[in-house]
Amino acid sequence: MSDAPRVLVHHRDVHIGAQLLESIERRCAMLADEFSEASRFELSFENHGMSVRGLAHATGRRTDLATHAEASEPGIVVDRVLDKIERQLRRMHDKRVHGRRRSAQRAANKRHQPEE
């Protein structure tokens, strides 16, 4: 594991227990290991009537992603926002990696086409 990502958690009128904080940090570290582009995760939770609203923001090298979710329990909100951030990171990462491969293949095909 390289440098641990910076994880900031803000909560207003919502109880986030020590176990949930550890879970958030562990999951963010796993995301940072898999997607080296993300180096900072910021999560905010606030009471929103009868539910909890969660906002997540992942930043890093050429990366700036944000999402939100709402549920009745803080644990469910954490899972939802981190799942969404993971999907966004995966989509962005795959576009970068596979986009370069596709453009390299197109360039190679153009070079090797026989002239008529």
C-alpha atoms as a PDB file:
ATOM      1  CA  MET A   1       0.000   0.000   0.000  1.00  0.00           C
ATOM      2  CA  SER A   2       1.422   3.350  -0.987  1.00  0.00           C
ATOM      3  CA  ASP A   3       0.602   6.587   0.784  1.00  0.00           C
ATOM      4  CA  ALA A   4      -2.687   6.407   2.628  1.00  0.00           C
ATOM      5  CA  PRO A   5      -5.319   8.668   1.101  1.00  0.00           C
ATOM      6  CA  ARG A   6      -6.488  11.701   2.975  1.00  0.00           C
ATOM      7  CA  VAL A   7      -9.983  11.000   4.285  1.00  0.00           C
ATOM      8  CA  LEU A   8     -12.105  13.791   5.735  1.00  0.00           C
ATOM      9  CA  VAL A   9     -15.483  13.055   7.325  1.00  0.00           C
ATOM     10  CA  HIS A  10     -17.882  15.816   8.319  1.00  0.00           C
ATOM     11  CA  HIS A  11     -21.161  15.143  10.084  1.00  0.00           C
ATOM     12  CA  ARG A  12     -23.856  17.478  11.290  1.00  0.00           C
ATOM     13  CA  ASP A  13     -26.594  16.193  13.635  1.00  0.00           C
ATOM     14  CA  VAL A  14     -25.703  12.609  12.641  1.00  0.00           C
ATOM     15  CA  HIS A  15     -23.926  10.116  14.896  1.00  0.00           C
ATOM     16  CA  ILE A  16     -21.053   8.440  13.045  1.00  0.00           C
ATOM     17  CA  GLY A  17     -19.566   5.792  15.311  1.00  0.00           C
ATOM     18  CA  ALA A  18     -15.933   4.741  15.551  1.00  0.00           C
ATOM     19  CA  GLN A  19     -16.640   1.477  13.693  1.00  0.00           C
ATOM     20  CA  LEU A  20     -18.233   3.327  10.800  1.00  0.00           C
ATOM     21  CA  LEU A  21     -15.318   5.782  10.657  1.00  0.00           C
ATOM     22  CA  GLU A  22     -12.841   2.889  10.505  1.00  0.00           C
ATOM     23  CA  SER A  23     -14.927   1.263   7.781  1.00  0.00           C
ATOM     24  CA  ILE A  24     -14.920   4.493   5.764  1.00  0.00           C
ATOM     25  CA  GLU A  25     -11.143   4.876   6.078  1.00  0.00           C
ATOM     26  CA  ARG A  26     -10.511   1.234   5.183  1.00  0.00           C
ATOM     27  CA  ARG A  27     -12.773   1.396   2.132  1.00  0.00           C
ATOM     28  CA  CYS A  28     -11.244   4.679   0.933  1.00  0.00           C
ATOM     29  CA  ALA A  29      -7.767   3.160   1.309  1.00  0.00           C
ATOM     30  CA  MET A  30      -8.856   0.199  -0.833  1.00  0.00           C
ATOM     31  CA  LEU A  31     -10.216   2.587  -3.482  1.00  0.00           C
ATOM     32  CA  ALA A  32      -6.982   4.599  -3.452  1.00  0.00           C
ATOM     33  CA  ASP A  33      -4.940   1.396  -3.879  1.00  0.00           C
ATOM     34  CA  GLU A  34      -7.021   0.312  -6.859  1.00  0.00           C
ATOM     35  CA  PHE A  35      -7.325   3.758  -8.430  1.00  0.00           C
ATOM     36  CA  SER A  36      -4.124   5.681  -7.871  1.00  0.00           C
ATOM     37  CA  GLU A  37      -5.724   8.801  -9.368  1.00  0.00           C
ATOM     38  CA  ALA A  38      -7.725   9.414  -6.175  1.00  0.00           C
ATOM     39  CA  SER A  39      -5.726  10.693  -3.222  1.00  0.00           C
ATOM     40  CA  ARG A  40      -8.332  12.581  -1.185  1.00  0.00           C
ATOM     41  CA  PHE A  41     -11.842  11.591  -0.135  1.00  0.00           C
ATOM     42  CA  GLU A  42     -14.222  13.972   1.595  1.00  0.00           C
ATOM     43  CA  LEU A  43     -17.531  12.699   2.958  1.00  0.00           C
ATOM     44  CA  SER A  44     -20.244  14.838   4.550  1.00  0.00           C
ATOM     45  CA  PHE A  45     -23.326  13.616   6.363  1.00  0.00           C
ATOM     46  CA  GLU A  46     -26.261  15.650   7.604  1.00  0.00           C
ATOM     47  CA  ASN A  47     -29.669  15.010   9.077  1.00  0.00           C
ATOM     48  CA  HIS A  48     -32.306  15.592   6.426  1.00  0.00           C
ATOM     49  CA  GLY A  49     -35.686  15.186   8.077  1.00  0.00           C
ATOM     50  CA  MET A  50     -36.304  11.510   8.679  1.00  0.00           C
ATOM     51  CA  SER A  51     -33.256  10.457   6.667  1.00  0.00           C
ATOM     52  CA  VAL A  52     -29.520  11.005   6.408  1.00  0.00           C
ATOM     53  CA  ARG A  53     -28.010  12.666   3.359  1.00  0.00           C
ATOM     54  CA  GLY A  54     -24.462  11.818   2.364  1.00  0.00           C
ATOM     55  CA  LEU A  55     -22.172  13.669  -0.024  1.00  0.00           C
ATOM     56  CA  ALA A  56     -18.870  12.255  -1.264  1.00  0.00           C
ATOM     57  CA  HIS A  57     -16.080  13.968  -3.160  1.00  0.00           C
ATOM     58  CA  ALA A  58     -12.980  12.226  -4.530  1.00  0.00           C
ATOM     59  CA  THR A  59     -10.086  14.302  -5.836  1.00  0.00           C
ATOM     60  CA  GLY A  60      -6.567  13.626  -6.995  1.00  0.00           C
ATOM     61  CA  ARG A  61      -4.402  13.635 -10.083  1.00  0.00           C
ATOM     62  CA  ARG A  62      -6.709  14.686 -12.964  1.00  0.00           C
ATOM     63  CA  THR A  63      -9.655  13.523 -10.843  1.00  0.00           C
ATOM     64  CA  ASP A  64     -12.601  15.412  -9.419  1.00  0.00           C
ATOM     65  CA  LEU A  65     -15.694  13.305  -8.749  1.00  0.00           C
ATOM     66  CA  ALA A  66     -18.723  13.942  -6.570  1.00  0.00           C
ATOM     67  CA  THR A  67     -21.917  12.087  -5.699  1.00  0.00           C
ATOM     68  CA  HIS A  68     -24.672  11.956  -3.099  1.00  0.00           C
ATOM     69  CA  ALA A  69     -27.143   9.511  -1.585  1.00  0.00           C
ATOM     70  CA  GLU A  70     -29.879   9.474   1.001  1.00  0.00           C
ATOM     71  CA  ALA A  71     -31.142   6.718   3.311  1.00  0.00           C
ATOM     72  CA  SER A  72     -32.576   6.169   6.761  1.00  0.00           C
ATOM     73  CA  GLU A  73     -29.325   4.902   8.364  1.00  0.00           C
ATOM     74  CA  PRO A  74     -25.794   6.372   8.213  1.00  0.00           C
ATOM     75  CA  GLY A  75     -24.262   2.963   7.399  1.00  0.00           C
ATOM     76  CA  ILE A  76     -26.470   2.544   4.349  1.00  0.00           C
ATOM     77  CA  VAL A  77     -25.632   6.051   3.139  1.00  0.00           C
ATOM     78  CA  VAL A  78     -21.896   5.351   3.497  1.00  0.00           C
ATOM     79  CA  ASP A  79     -22.191   2.183   1.419  1.00  0.00           C
ATOM     80  CA  ARG A  80     -24.217   3.918  -1.274  1.00  0.00           C
ATOM     81  CA  VAL A  81     -21.975   6.952  -1.729  1.00  0.00           C
ATOM     82  CA  LEU A  82     -18.787   4.882  -1.703  1.00  0.00           C
ATOM     83  CA  ASP A  83     -20.307   2.419  -4.207  1.00  0.00           C
ATOM     84  CA  LYS A  84     -21.171   5.338  -6.489  1.00  0.00           C
ATOM     85  CA  ILE A  85     -17.701   6.845  -6.163  1.00  0.00           C
ATOM     86  CA  GLU A  86     -16.170   3.448  -6.949  1.00  0.00           C
ATOM     87  CA  ARG A  87     -18.296   3.107 -10.110  1.00  0.00           C
ATOM     88  CA  GLN A  88     -17.314   6.616 -11.218  1.00  0.00           C
ATOM     89  CA  LEU A  89     -13.624   5.957 -10.544  1.00  0.00           C
ATOM     90  CA  ARG A  90     -13.779   2.664 -12.447  1.00  0.00           C
ATOM     91  CA  ARG A  91     -15.514   4.287 -15.430  1.00  0.00           C
ATOM     92  CA  MET A  92     -12.990   7.125 -15.551  1.00  0.00           C
ATOM     93  CA  HIS A  93     -10.006   4.789 -15.103  1.00  0.00           C
ATOM     94  CA  ASP A  94     -11.224   2.408 -17.824  1.00  0.00           C
ATOM     95  CA  LYS A  95     -11.782   5.278 -20.243  1.00  0.00           C
ATOM     96  CA  ARG A  96      -8.233   6.483 -19.702  1.00  0.00           C
ATOM     97  CA  VAL A  97      -6.580   3.070 -19.955  1.00  0.00           C
ATOM     98  CA  HIS A  98      -8.680   1.571 -22.725  1.00  0.00           C
ATOM     99  CA  GLY A  99      -8.952   4.847 -24.620  1.00  0.00           C
ATOM    100  CA  ARG A 100      -5.183   4.936 -25.058  1.00  0.00           C
ATOM    101  CA  ARG A 101      -5.169   1.298 -26.168  1.00  0.00           C
ATOM    102  CA  ARG A 102      -7.951   1.881 -28.701  1.00  0.00           C
ATOM    103  CA  SER A 103      -6.229   4.927 -30.186  1.00  0.00           C
ATOM    104  CA  ALA A 104      -2.929   3.008 -30.392  1.00  0.00           C
ATOM    105  CA  GLN A 105      -4.683   0.131 -32.185  1.00  0.00           C
ATOM    106  CA  ARG A 106      -6.324   2.535 -34.643  1.00  0.00           C
ATOM    107  CA  ALA A 107      -2.979   4.160 -35.359  1.00  0.00           C
ATOM    108  CA  ALA A 108      -1.346   0.751 -35.892  1.00  0.00           C
ATOM    109  CA  ASN A 109      -4.121  -0.327 -38.258  1.00  0.00           C
ATOM    110  CA  LYS A 110      -3.706   2.824 -40.337  1.00  0.00           C
ATOM    111  CA  ARG A 111       0.032   2.219 -40.657  1.00  0.00           C
ATOM    112  CA  HIS A 112      -0.375  -1.403 -41.767  1.00  0.00           C
ATOM    113  CA  GLN A 113      -3.193  -1.016 -44.295  1.00  0.00           C
ATOM    114  CA  PRO A 114      -2.109  -1.883 -47.811  1.00  0.00           C
ATOM    115  CA  GLU A 115      -2.395   0.894 -50.359  1.00  0.00           C
ATOM    116  CA  GLU A 116      -4.645   0.272 -53.333  1.00  0.00           C
END
